[in-house]
Amino acid sequence: MNKRIFKDETSTIGEIPFYKIGTFGGKADAFITRKKYEEYKKKYPYPQKGNLLISASGSIGRIIEYNGEEAYYQDSNIVWLDHDNTILDVFLKPTYEIINGTELKVPL
């Protein structure tokens, strides 16, 4: 998960979108400075392109594939799997969707 961002470190306009659990997978309503983004991205865990971001609070189990855009995510509420890549996240996404009951229903 990302390093914690406190409310007083965000603004309603800015350079880097900050996704909280309520805006995860939608449109960000808070932003952080580029300086903080670059500093935290360098010092602390940050998702890699293709990682599955998973909501761990609120709407638990919501899954978004990180496409590499500049964005920052709320700590402990939005997490991703750090694994040895013996299986690609692109193959894990459908499995998580089935487990969470969000898979597409195809009529027979």
C-alpha atoms as a PDB file:
ATOM      1  CA  MET A   1       0.000   0.000   0.000  1.00  0.00           C
ATOM      2  CA  ASN A   2       1.028   3.625  -0.417  1.00  0.00           C
ATOM      3  CA  LYS A   3       2.460   5.918   2.266  1.00  0.00           C
ATOM      4  CA  ARG A   4      -0.247   7.736   4.204  1.00  0.00           C
ATOM      5  CA  ILE A   5      -1.477  11.086   2.914  1.00  0.00           C
ATOM      6  CA  PHE A   6      -3.216  13.295   5.459  1.00  0.00           C
ATOM      7  CA  LYS A   7      -6.216  15.478   4.604  1.00  0.00           C
ATOM      8  CA  ASP A   8      -4.222  18.687   5.106  1.00  0.00           C
ATOM      9  CA  GLU A   9      -1.781  17.448   2.433  1.00  0.00           C
ATOM     10  CA  THR A  10      -4.509  17.386  -0.232  1.00  0.00           C
ATOM     11  CA  SER A  11      -6.406  20.053  -2.116  1.00  0.00           C
ATOM     12  CA  THR A  12      -9.439  20.169  -4.401  1.00  0.00           C
ATOM     13  CA  ILE A  13      -7.240  21.203  -7.323  1.00  0.00           C
ATOM     14  CA  GLY A  14      -3.725  20.117  -8.041  1.00  0.00           C
ATOM     15  CA  GLU A  15      -1.231  18.153 -10.014  1.00  0.00           C
ATOM     16  CA  ILE A  16      -1.619  14.489  -9.030  1.00  0.00           C
ATOM     17  CA  PRO A  17      -5.022  12.819  -8.442  1.00  0.00           C
ATOM     18  CA  PHE A  18      -5.402  11.265  -4.986  1.00  0.00           C
ATOM     19  CA  TYR A  19      -7.925   8.439  -4.921  1.00  0.00           C
ATOM     20  CA  LYS A  20      -9.720   7.650  -1.703  1.00  0.00           C
ATOM     21  CA  ILE A  21     -11.931   4.642  -1.175  1.00  0.00           C
ATOM     22  CA  GLY A  22     -15.000   6.599  -2.331  1.00  0.00           C
ATOM     23  CA  THR A  23     -13.401   7.805  -5.583  1.00  0.00           C
ATOM     24  CA  PHE A  24     -11.378   4.677  -6.361  1.00  0.00           C
ATOM     25  CA  GLY A  25     -12.268   3.580  -9.893  1.00  0.00           C
ATOM     26  CA  GLY A  26     -13.952   6.911 -10.651  1.00  0.00           C
ATOM     27  CA  LYS A  27     -12.995  10.573 -10.672  1.00  0.00           C
ATOM     28  CA  ALA A  28     -10.628  11.939  -8.006  1.00  0.00           C
ATOM     29  CA  ASP A  29     -11.892  14.819  -5.868  1.00  0.00           C
ATOM     30  CA  ALA A  30      -8.562  15.449  -4.116  1.00  0.00           C
ATOM     31  CA  PHE A  31      -5.027  16.076  -5.325  1.00  0.00           C
ATOM     32  CA  ILE A  32      -1.466  16.116  -3.988  1.00  0.00           C
ATOM     33  CA  THR A  33       1.568  18.048  -5.139  1.00  0.00           C
ATOM     34  CA  ARG A  34       3.950  16.624  -7.709  1.00  0.00           C
ATOM     35  CA  LYS A  35       6.771  17.080  -5.188  1.00  0.00           C
ATOM     36  CA  LYS A  36       5.057  14.863  -2.602  1.00  0.00           C
ATOM     37  CA  TYR A  37       4.093  12.328  -5.285  1.00  0.00           C
ATOM     38  CA  GLU A  38       7.660  12.012  -6.582  1.00  0.00           C
ATOM     39  CA  GLU A  39       9.107  11.817  -3.056  1.00  0.00           C
ATOM     40  CA  TYR A  40       6.677   9.157  -1.829  1.00  0.00           C
ATOM     41  CA  LYS A  41       6.801   7.157  -5.054  1.00  0.00           C
ATOM     42  CA  LYS A  42      10.577   6.932  -4.721  1.00  0.00           C
ATOM     43  CA  LYS A  43      10.686   6.109  -0.967  1.00  0.00           C
ATOM     44  CA  TYR A  44       7.644   3.879  -0.439  1.00  0.00           C
ATOM     45  CA  PRO A  45       5.800   1.003  -2.141  1.00  0.00           C
ATOM     46  CA  TYR A  46       3.985   2.007  -5.320  1.00  0.00           C
ATOM     47  CA  PRO A  47       2.045  -0.174  -7.776  1.00  0.00           C
ATOM     48  CA  GLN A  48       3.555  -1.235 -11.082  1.00  0.00           C
ATOM     49  CA  LYS A  49       1.694  -0.999 -14.373  1.00  0.00           C
ATOM     50  CA  GLY A  50      -0.609  -4.010 -14.629  1.00  0.00           C
ATOM     51  CA  ASN A  51      -0.971  -4.505 -10.844  1.00  0.00           C
ATOM     52  CA  LEU A  52      -4.487  -5.056  -9.588  1.00  0.00           C
ATOM     53  CA  LEU A  53      -5.546  -2.418  -7.072  1.00  0.00           C
ATOM     54  CA  ILE A  54      -8.058  -3.844  -4.612  1.00  0.00           C
ATOM     55  CA  SER A  55     -10.318  -1.923  -2.243  1.00  0.00           C
ATOM     56  CA  ALA A  56      -9.852  -3.184   1.297  1.00  0.00           C
ATOM     57  CA  SER A  57     -12.491  -1.009   2.955  1.00  0.00           C
ATOM     58  CA  GLY A  58     -15.965   0.268   2.112  1.00  0.00           C
ATOM     59  CA  SER A  59     -16.766  -1.500  -1.158  1.00  0.00           C
ATOM     60  CA  ILE A  60     -14.398  -4.327  -0.323  1.00  0.00           C
ATOM     61  CA  GLY A  61     -13.081  -6.208  -3.305  1.00  0.00           C
ATOM     62  CA  ARG A  62     -13.486  -3.545  -5.985  1.00  0.00           C
ATOM     63  CA  ILE A  63     -10.691  -4.258  -8.484  1.00  0.00           C
ATOM     64  CA  ILE A  64      -9.000  -1.804 -10.824  1.00  0.00           C
ATOM     65  CA  GLU A  65      -6.038  -2.582 -13.052  1.00  0.00           C
ATOM     66  CA  TYR A  66      -3.343   0.082 -12.615  1.00  0.00           C
ATOM     67  CA  ASN A  67      -2.489   1.369 -16.086  1.00  0.00           C
ATOM     68  CA  GLY A  68       0.575   3.412 -15.127  1.00  0.00           C
ATOM     69  CA  GLU A  69      -1.029   6.845 -14.877  1.00  0.00           C
ATOM     70  CA  GLU A  70       0.261   9.400 -12.380  1.00  0.00           C
ATOM     71  CA  ALA A  71      -2.025   8.930  -9.380  1.00  0.00           C
ATOM     72  CA  TYR A  72      -1.775   8.218  -5.673  1.00  0.00           C
ATOM     73  CA  TYR A  73      -3.979   5.941  -3.569  1.00  0.00           C
ATOM     74  CA  GLN A  74      -5.276   6.020  -0.010  1.00  0.00           C
ATOM     75  CA  ASP A  75      -3.146   3.896   2.293  1.00  0.00           C
ATOM     76  CA  SER A  76      -4.531   0.675   3.779  1.00  0.00           C
ATOM     77  CA  ASN A  77      -7.874   1.136   1.991  1.00  0.00           C
ATOM     78  CA  ILE A  78      -6.482   0.473  -1.483  1.00  0.00           C
ATOM     79  CA  VAL A  79      -3.878  -2.278  -1.760  1.00  0.00           C
ATOM     80  CA  TRP A  80      -2.204  -4.409  -4.414  1.00  0.00           C
ATOM     81  CA  LEU A  81      -0.507  -7.787  -4.456  1.00  0.00           C
ATOM     82  CA  ASP A  82       3.284  -7.831  -4.411  1.00  0.00           C
ATOM     83  CA  HIS A  83       4.251 -11.256  -5.703  1.00  0.00           C
ATOM     84  CA  ASP A  84       6.959 -12.989  -7.704  1.00  0.00           C
ATOM     85  CA  ASN A  85       5.077 -12.776 -11.030  1.00  0.00           C
ATOM     86  CA  THR A  86       4.820 -16.540 -11.458  1.00  0.00           C
ATOM     87  CA  ILE A  87       1.271 -15.684 -12.524  1.00  0.00           C
ATOM     88  CA  LEU A  88       0.373 -12.410 -14.180  1.00  0.00           C
ATOM     89  CA  ASP A  89      -2.196 -10.118 -12.583  1.00  0.00           C
ATOM     90  CA  VAL A  90      -4.101 -10.047 -15.864  1.00  0.00           C
ATOM     91  CA  PHE A  91      -4.973 -13.703 -15.198  1.00  0.00           C
ATOM     92  CA  LEU A  92      -5.837 -13.070 -11.549  1.00  0.00           C
ATOM     93  CA  LYS A  93      -8.401 -10.326 -12.268  1.00  0.00           C
ATOM     94  CA  PRO A  94     -11.134 -12.663 -13.603  1.00  0.00           C
ATOM     95  CA  THR A  95     -10.597 -14.954 -10.610  1.00  0.00           C
ATOM     96  CA  TYR A  96     -11.081 -12.091  -8.144  1.00  0.00           C
ATOM     97  CA  GLU A  97     -14.166 -10.947 -10.019  1.00  0.00           C
ATOM     98  CA  ILE A  98     -15.683 -14.430  -9.792  1.00  0.00           C
ATOM     99  CA  ILE A  99     -14.879 -14.681  -6.079  1.00  0.00           C
ATOM    100  CA  ASN A 100     -16.515 -11.294  -5.480  1.00  0.00           C
ATOM    101  CA  GLY A 101     -19.521 -12.124  -7.647  1.00  0.00           C
ATOM    102  CA  THR A 102     -18.806  -9.313 -10.102  1.00  0.00           C
ATOM    103  CA  GLU A 103     -18.044 -11.492 -13.113  1.00  0.00           C
ATOM    104  CA  LEU A 104     -19.983 -10.911 -16.283  1.00  0.00           C
ATOM    105  CA  LYS A 105     -23.048 -13.104 -16.583  1.00  0.00           C
ATOM    106  CA  VAL A 106     -23.245 -14.709 -20.007  1.00  0.00           C
ATOM    107  CA  PRO A 107     -26.611 -16.219 -20.941  1.00  0.00           C
ATOM    108  CA  LEU A 108     -26.494 -19.870 -22.003  1.00  0.00           C
END
